[in-house]
Amino acid sequence: MSVTIFHRHPQRAEALNSGDLIDVTEIAREDSFQLPTAITRRAWESAIEPQSKGTIPALNIENTDRVRELIRSAENQIRRRWDEELTRLTFTAPGHGECTSSRRATLIIVATTDNAGKPALTIGLPEEFGAR
């Protein structure tokens, strides 16, 4: 699989420190993503924890399974399109819990770079990356 960088994020470390990106690399590696992986705050609020608006999101025991579901959904879409040159991939995060319709979200996974220019993955809302 070839991954072309679509979006450069020179301030990735700062975004992780401020909570604008939430690092989910550890969970992503459990599900075979080898690159550092993060979720934007807006995607987190949309697909992981809508009630976290106004706070700095963080992984915890209550949301780890939800993040794992989202990562697996992204991984399944990537596997289906393995032969394509991937720069970004739109997928729908699965519903979760009692109000599944409110938890479904269309997300995009984008090949980005970290502060050192090394490849990384970012999951966010399509409009955060100029997609519709």
N, C-alpha and C. Protein backbone atom coordinates (compact mmCIF):
# COMPACT_ATOMS: atom_id res chain seq x y z
N MET A 1 0.84 -1.17 0.00
CA MET A 1 0.00 0.00 0.00
C MET A 1 0.89 1.23 0.00
N SER A 2 0.60 2.18 -0.83
CA SER A 2 1.31 3.44 -0.90
C SER A 2 0.51 4.50 -0.16
N VAL A 3 1.16 5.27 0.69
CA VAL A 3 0.48 6.34 1.40
C VAL A 3 1.12 7.65 1.00
N THR A 4 0.34 8.54 0.44
CA THR A 4 0.81 9.86 0.06
C THR A 4 0.36 10.86 1.11
N ILE A 5 1.25 11.73 1.52
CA ILE A 5 0.88 12.72 2.53
C ILE A 5 -0.10 13.72 1.91
N PHE A 6 -1.25 13.87 2.55
CA PHE A 6 -2.28 14.78 2.06
C PHE A 6 -2.22 16.10 2.81
N HIS A 7 -1.94 16.03 4.09
CA HIS A 7 -2.05 17.22 4.93
C HIS A 7 -0.83 17.29 5.84
N ARG A 8 -0.14 18.39 5.83
CA ARG A 8 1.00 18.56 6.72
C ARG A 8 0.55 19.27 7.99
N HIS A 9 0.95 18.74 9.12
CA HIS A 9 0.54 19.29 10.40
C HIS A 9 1.79 19.63 11.20
N PRO A 10 2.44 20.77 10.89
CA PRO A 10 3.71 21.09 11.53
C PRO A 10 3.60 21.31 13.03
N GLN A 11 2.42 21.58 13.52
CA GLN A 11 2.24 21.81 14.95
C GLN A 11 1.55 20.63 15.63
N ARG A 12 1.76 19.43 15.14
CA ARG A 12 1.08 18.25 15.68
C ARG A 12 1.33 18.09 17.18
N ALA A 13 2.58 18.26 17.62
CA ALA A 13 2.89 18.11 19.05
C ALA A 13 2.11 19.13 19.88
N GLU A 14 2.04 20.36 19.40
CA GLU A 14 1.30 21.39 20.12
C GLU A 14 -0.19 21.05 20.16
N ALA A 15 -0.72 20.55 19.05
CA ALA A 15 -2.14 20.18 19.01
C ALA A 15 -2.42 19.02 19.96
N LEU A 16 -1.50 18.08 20.08
CA LEU A 16 -1.66 16.99 21.04
C LEU A 16 -1.61 17.52 22.47
N ASN A 17 -0.70 18.43 22.75
CA ASN A 17 -0.58 19.00 24.09
C ASN A 17 -1.80 19.82 24.49
N SER A 18 -2.40 20.52 23.53
CA SER A 18 -3.54 21.39 23.84
C SER A 18 -4.86 20.64 23.89
N GLY A 19 -4.88 19.40 23.39
CA GLY A 19 -6.13 18.65 23.35
C GLY A 19 -6.88 18.81 22.04
N ASP A 20 -6.31 19.56 21.08
CA ASP A 20 -6.95 19.67 19.77
C ASP A 20 -6.82 18.37 18.98
N LEU A 21 -5.80 17.57 19.30
CA LEU A 21 -5.66 16.20 18.80
C LEU A 21 -5.53 15.28 20.00
N ILE A 22 -6.19 14.13 19.93
CA ILE A 22 -6.13 13.14 21.01
C ILE A 22 -5.35 11.95 20.48
N ASP A 23 -4.25 11.62 21.17
CA ASP A 23 -3.38 10.53 20.75
C ASP A 23 -4.05 9.19 21.06
N VAL A 24 -4.25 8.38 20.01
CA VAL A 24 -4.82 7.04 20.17
C VAL A 24 -3.88 5.99 19.59
N THR A 25 -2.59 6.33 19.54
CA THR A 25 -1.59 5.45 18.93
C THR A 25 -1.56 4.08 19.58
N GLU A 26 -1.61 4.02 20.89
CA GLU A 26 -1.53 2.74 21.59
C GLU A 26 -2.65 1.80 21.17
N ILE A 27 -3.87 2.30 21.13
CA ILE A 27 -5.01 1.48 20.70
C ILE A 27 -4.88 1.14 19.22
N ALA A 28 -4.48 2.11 18.41
CA ALA A 28 -4.34 1.88 16.97
C ALA A 28 -3.30 0.79 16.69
N ARG A 29 -2.23 0.77 17.47
CA ARG A 29 -1.20 -0.27 17.27
C ARG A 29 -1.72 -1.65 17.63
N GLU A 30 -2.62 -1.74 18.59
CA GLU A 30 -3.24 -3.02 18.93
C GLU A 30 -4.00 -3.58 17.72
N ASP A 31 -4.52 -2.68 16.89
CA ASP A 31 -5.29 -3.07 15.73
C ASP A 31 -4.51 -2.88 14.44
N SER A 32 -3.21 -3.00 14.51
CA SER A 32 -2.28 -3.10 13.38
C SER A 32 -1.94 -1.79 12.67
N PHE A 33 -2.35 -0.63 13.15
CA PHE A 33 -1.86 0.61 12.59
C PHE A 33 -0.45 0.80 13.13
N GLN A 34 0.51 1.01 12.28
CA GLN A 34 1.89 1.15 12.73
C GLN A 34 2.33 2.60 12.87
N LEU A 35 1.54 3.51 12.36
CA LEU A 35 1.89 4.93 12.42
C LEU A 35 1.24 5.59 13.64
N PRO A 36 1.87 6.64 14.18
CA PRO A 36 1.20 7.41 15.23
C PRO A 36 -0.17 7.86 14.72
N THR A 37 -1.18 7.72 15.56
CA THR A 37 -2.55 8.01 15.15
C THR A 37 -3.21 8.92 16.18
N ALA A 38 -3.94 9.92 15.68
CA ALA A 38 -4.64 10.86 16.56
C ALA A 38 -6.03 11.14 15.99
N ILE A 39 -6.91 11.59 16.86
CA ILE A 39 -8.28 11.98 16.48
C ILE A 39 -8.43 13.46 16.82
N THR A 40 -9.01 14.23 15.91
CA THR A 40 -9.24 15.65 16.20
C THR A 40 -10.28 15.79 17.30
N ARG A 41 -10.21 16.90 18.00
CA ARG A 41 -11.17 17.15 19.08
C ARG A 41 -12.61 17.15 18.55
N ARG A 42 -12.83 17.76 17.39
CA ARG A 42 -14.19 17.81 16.84
C ARG A 42 -14.70 16.42 16.49
N ALA A 43 -13.83 15.57 15.93
CA ALA A 43 -14.24 14.19 15.63
C ALA A 43 -14.51 13.43 16.92
N TRP A 44 -13.70 13.66 17.93
CA TRP A 44 -13.88 13.02 19.24
C TRP A 44 -15.26 13.39 19.80
N GLU A 45 -15.58 14.67 19.76
CA GLU A 45 -16.86 15.13 20.28
C GLU A 45 -18.03 14.60 19.46
N SER A 46 -17.80 14.37 18.18
CA SER A 46 -18.85 13.87 17.30
C SER A 46 -19.04 12.37 17.42
N ALA A 47 -17.94 11.61 17.50
CA ALA A 47 -18.02 10.16 17.39
C ALA A 47 -17.69 9.39 18.67
N ILE A 48 -16.98 9.98 19.58
CA ILE A 48 -16.55 9.26 20.78
C ILE A 48 -17.34 9.71 22.01
N GLU A 49 -17.25 10.98 22.35
CA GLU A 49 -17.89 11.49 23.56
C GLU A 49 -18.52 12.86 23.31
N PRO A 50 -19.77 12.87 22.84
CA PRO A 50 -20.42 14.16 22.61
C PRO A 50 -20.49 15.03 23.87
N GLN A 51 -20.55 14.39 25.02
CA GLN A 51 -20.67 15.15 26.28
C GLN A 51 -19.36 15.80 26.69
N SER A 52 -18.26 15.56 25.96
CA SER A 52 -16.96 16.13 26.34
C SER A 52 -16.75 17.55 25.83
N LYS A 53 -17.72 18.11 25.12
CA LYS A 53 -17.55 19.47 24.58
C LYS A 53 -17.20 20.43 25.71
N GLY A 54 -16.19 21.25 25.45
CA GLY A 54 -15.76 22.24 26.44
C GLY A 54 -14.70 21.72 27.39
N THR A 55 -14.35 20.44 27.31
CA THR A 55 -13.30 19.88 28.15
C THR A 55 -12.20 19.32 27.26
N ILE A 56 -11.05 19.07 27.83
CA ILE A 56 -9.97 18.45 27.06
C ILE A 56 -10.21 16.94 27.08
N PRO A 57 -10.48 16.35 25.91
CA PRO A 57 -10.76 14.92 25.85
C PRO A 57 -9.53 14.09 26.22
N ALA A 58 -9.79 12.92 26.77
CA ALA A 58 -8.70 12.00 27.12
C ALA A 58 -9.24 10.58 27.09
N LEU A 59 -8.35 9.66 26.78
CA LEU A 59 -8.72 8.25 26.84
C LEU A 59 -8.97 7.86 28.29
N ASN A 60 -10.01 7.08 28.50
CA ASN A 60 -10.28 6.55 29.83
C ASN A 60 -11.02 5.22 29.67
N ILE A 61 -11.30 4.58 30.76
CA ILE A 61 -11.90 3.25 30.71
C ILE A 61 -13.26 3.26 30.03
N GLU A 62 -14.00 4.37 30.12
CA GLU A 62 -15.32 4.44 29.52
C GLU A 62 -15.30 4.58 28.01
N ASN A 63 -14.27 5.22 27.45
CA ASN A 63 -14.29 5.48 26.01
C ASN A 63 -13.30 4.65 25.19
N THR A 64 -12.47 3.86 25.85
CA THR A 64 -11.47 3.06 25.12
C THR A 64 -12.11 2.10 24.14
N ASP A 65 -13.19 1.43 24.54
CA ASP A 65 -13.86 0.51 23.62
C ASP A 65 -14.42 1.24 22.41
N ARG A 66 -14.95 2.43 22.61
CA ARG A 66 -15.49 3.23 21.51
C ARG A 66 -14.38 3.62 20.53
N VAL A 67 -13.22 4.01 21.06
CA VAL A 67 -12.09 4.35 20.21
C VAL A 67 -11.66 3.11 19.43
N ARG A 68 -11.61 1.98 20.11
CA ARG A 68 -11.23 0.73 19.45
C ARG A 68 -12.19 0.41 18.30
N GLU A 69 -13.50 0.59 18.51
CA GLU A 69 -14.49 0.37 17.44
C GLU A 69 -14.22 1.28 16.25
N LEU A 70 -13.91 2.54 16.54
CA LEU A 70 -13.66 3.50 15.47
C LEU A 70 -12.41 3.11 14.69
N ILE A 71 -11.35 2.73 15.38
CA ILE A 71 -10.10 2.32 14.72
C ILE A 71 -10.35 1.09 13.86
N ARG A 72 -11.09 0.13 14.38
CA ARG A 72 -11.38 -1.09 13.60
C ARG A 72 -12.21 -0.76 12.37
N SER A 73 -13.14 0.16 12.49
CA SER A 73 -13.94 0.56 11.34
C SER A 73 -13.04 1.18 10.27
N ALA A 74 -12.13 2.04 10.69
CA ALA A 74 -11.19 2.65 9.74
C ALA A 74 -10.30 1.59 9.11
N GLU A 75 -9.81 0.67 9.93
CA GLU A 75 -8.94 -0.39 9.42
C GLU A 75 -9.67 -1.26 8.40
N ASN A 76 -10.93 -1.59 8.65
CA ASN A 76 -11.71 -2.39 7.70
C ASN A 76 -11.84 -1.68 6.36
N GLN A 77 -12.07 -0.38 6.38
CA GLN A 77 -12.17 0.37 5.13
C GLN A 77 -10.84 0.40 4.40
N ILE A 78 -9.76 0.55 5.14
CA ILE A 78 -8.43 0.55 4.50
C ILE A 78 -8.15 -0.79 3.86
N ARG A 79 -8.47 -1.88 4.55
CA ARG A 79 -8.23 -3.21 3.99
C ARG A 79 -9.03 -3.45 2.71
N ARG A 80 -10.25 -2.92 2.65
CA ARG A 80 -11.07 -3.08 1.44
C ARG A 80 -10.46 -2.34 0.26
N ARG A 81 -9.71 -1.30 0.53
CA ARG A 81 -9.15 -0.47 -0.53
C ARG A 81 -7.63 -0.58 -0.55
N TRP A 82 -7.09 -1.70 -0.16
CA TRP A 82 -5.64 -1.91 0.01
C TRP A 82 -4.82 -1.56 -1.21
N ASP A 83 -5.33 -1.84 -2.40
CA ASP A 83 -4.56 -1.63 -3.62
C ASP A 83 -4.56 -0.19 -4.12
N GLU A 84 -5.38 0.64 -3.54
CA GLU A 84 -5.45 2.03 -3.99
C GLU A 84 -4.36 2.86 -3.32
N GLU A 85 -3.98 3.92 -3.96
CA GLU A 85 -3.06 4.86 -3.32
C GLU A 85 -3.89 5.68 -2.34
N LEU A 86 -3.63 5.54 -1.07
CA LEU A 86 -4.44 6.20 -0.06
C LEU A 86 -3.84 7.54 0.35
N THR A 87 -4.59 8.58 0.23
CA THR A 87 -4.22 9.85 0.80
C THR A 87 -5.23 10.23 1.87
N ARG A 88 -6.46 9.87 1.64
CA ARG A 88 -7.50 10.07 2.65
C ARG A 88 -8.62 9.10 2.37
N LEU A 89 -9.31 8.73 3.40
CA LEU A 89 -10.36 7.73 3.30
C LEU A 89 -11.52 8.14 4.18
N THR A 90 -12.69 8.27 3.60
CA THR A 90 -13.88 8.62 4.36
C THR A 90 -14.58 7.35 4.80
N PHE A 91 -15.02 7.31 6.05
CA PHE A 91 -15.74 6.17 6.57
C PHE A 91 -16.74 6.64 7.61
N THR A 92 -17.68 5.78 7.95
CA THR A 92 -18.68 6.12 8.95
C THR A 92 -18.36 5.38 10.23
N ALA A 93 -18.20 6.11 11.30
CA ALA A 93 -17.97 5.49 12.59
C ALA A 93 -19.25 4.79 13.01
N PRO A 94 -19.15 3.58 13.51
CA PRO A 94 -20.36 2.85 13.90
C PRO A 94 -21.06 3.50 15.07
N GLY A 95 -22.39 3.34 15.11
CA GLY A 95 -23.15 3.82 16.26
C GLY A 95 -22.78 3.02 17.49
N HIS A 96 -23.02 3.58 18.66
CA HIS A 96 -22.63 2.91 19.89
C HIS A 96 -23.61 3.28 20.99
N GLY A 97 -23.90 2.33 21.82
CA GLY A 97 -24.74 2.61 22.98
C GLY A 97 -26.20 2.73 22.62
N GLU A 98 -26.95 3.35 23.50
CA GLU A 98 -28.40 3.42 23.36
C GLU A 98 -28.86 4.34 22.25
N CYS A 99 -28.16 5.43 22.02
CA CYS A 99 -28.60 6.37 20.98
C CYS A 99 -27.63 6.29 19.81
N THR A 100 -27.66 5.17 19.10
CA THR A 100 -26.70 4.93 18.03
C THR A 100 -26.78 5.94 16.91
N SER A 101 -27.97 6.42 16.59
CA SER A 101 -28.06 7.35 15.47
C SER A 101 -27.32 8.65 15.77
N SER A 102 -27.30 9.07 17.03
CA SER A 102 -26.61 10.32 17.35
C SER A 102 -25.10 10.13 17.44
N ARG A 103 -24.63 8.89 17.49
CA ARG A 103 -23.20 8.64 17.62
C ARG A 103 -22.54 8.29 16.28
N ARG A 104 -23.33 8.08 15.22
CA ARG A 104 -22.73 7.79 13.92
C ARG A 104 -22.14 9.09 13.37
N ALA A 105 -20.99 8.97 12.78
CA ALA A 105 -20.33 10.16 12.25
C ALA A 105 -19.55 9.79 11.01
N THR A 106 -19.60 10.64 10.02
CA THR A 106 -18.74 10.45 8.85
C THR A 106 -17.40 11.08 9.17
N LEU A 107 -16.37 10.27 9.10
CA LEU A 107 -15.02 10.72 9.44
C LEU A 107 -14.09 10.48 8.27
N ILE A 108 -12.92 11.05 8.38
CA ILE A 108 -11.91 10.89 7.34
C ILE A 108 -10.59 10.54 8.04
N ILE A 109 -9.88 9.61 7.47
CA ILE A 109 -8.54 9.29 7.98
C ILE A 109 -7.56 9.79 6.94
N VAL A 110 -6.60 10.58 7.40
CA VAL A 110 -5.71 11.29 6.50
C VAL A 110 -4.26 10.98 6.85
N ALA A 111 -3.45 10.73 5.84
CA ALA A 111 -2.01 10.60 6.04
C ALA A 111 -1.45 12.00 6.24
N THR A 112 -0.85 12.23 7.40
CA THR A 112 -0.31 13.53 7.76
C THR A 112 1.16 13.36 8.14
N THR A 113 1.75 14.40 8.68
CA THR A 113 3.11 14.31 9.21
C THR A 113 3.13 14.85 10.63
N ASP A 114 4.14 14.41 11.38
CA ASP A 114 4.32 14.96 12.71
C ASP A 114 5.28 16.15 12.63
N ASN A 115 5.70 16.68 13.78
CA ASN A 115 6.58 17.85 13.78
C ASN A 115 7.90 17.60 13.07
N ALA A 116 8.37 16.36 13.10
CA ALA A 116 9.65 16.02 12.47
C ALA A 116 9.48 15.66 11.00
N GLY A 117 8.26 15.74 10.50
CA GLY A 117 8.01 15.41 9.10
C GLY A 117 7.83 13.93 8.84
N LYS A 118 7.70 13.13 9.91
CA LYS A 118 7.50 11.69 9.75
C LYS A 118 6.01 11.40 9.57
N PRO A 119 5.67 10.32 8.84
CA PRO A 119 4.27 10.00 8.59
C PRO A 119 3.49 9.74 9.87
N ALA A 120 2.24 10.15 9.85
CA ALA A 120 1.31 9.94 10.95
C ALA A 120 -0.09 9.89 10.35
N LEU A 121 -1.04 9.40 11.13
CA LEU A 121 -2.43 9.36 10.69
C LEU A 121 -3.27 10.26 11.59
N THR A 122 -4.20 10.96 10.98
CA THR A 122 -5.13 11.78 11.73
C THR A 122 -6.54 11.45 11.29
N ILE A 123 -7.42 11.22 12.26
CA ILE A 123 -8.83 10.97 12.01
C ILE A 123 -9.58 12.22 12.40
N GLY A 124 -10.42 12.72 11.49
CA GLY A 124 -11.16 13.93 11.78
C GLY A 124 -12.44 14.00 10.96
N LEU A 125 -13.12 15.11 11.09
CA LEU A 125 -14.31 15.36 10.29
C LEU A 125 -13.85 15.80 8.89
N PRO A 126 -14.57 15.41 7.85
CA PRO A 126 -14.14 15.77 6.50
C PRO A 126 -13.88 17.25 6.30
N GLU A 127 -14.72 18.10 6.87
CA GLU A 127 -14.55 19.55 6.67
C GLU A 127 -13.28 20.09 7.33
N GLU A 128 -12.71 19.35 8.28
CA GLU A 128 -11.46 19.79 8.91
C GLU A 128 -10.28 19.68 7.95
N PHE A 129 -10.46 18.89 6.89
CA PHE A 129 -9.39 18.68 5.91
C PHE A 129 -9.80 19.17 4.53
N GLY A 130 -10.82 20.00 4.47
CA GLY A 130 -11.24 20.56 3.21
C GLY A 130 -12.04 19.60 2.33
N ALA A 131 -12.48 18.48 2.88
CA ALA A 131 -13.30 17.52 2.14
C ALA A 131 -14.76 17.77 2.43
N ARG A 132 -15.61 17.27 1.56
CA ARG A 132 -17.05 17.42 1.78
C ARG A 132 -17.67 16.08 2.03
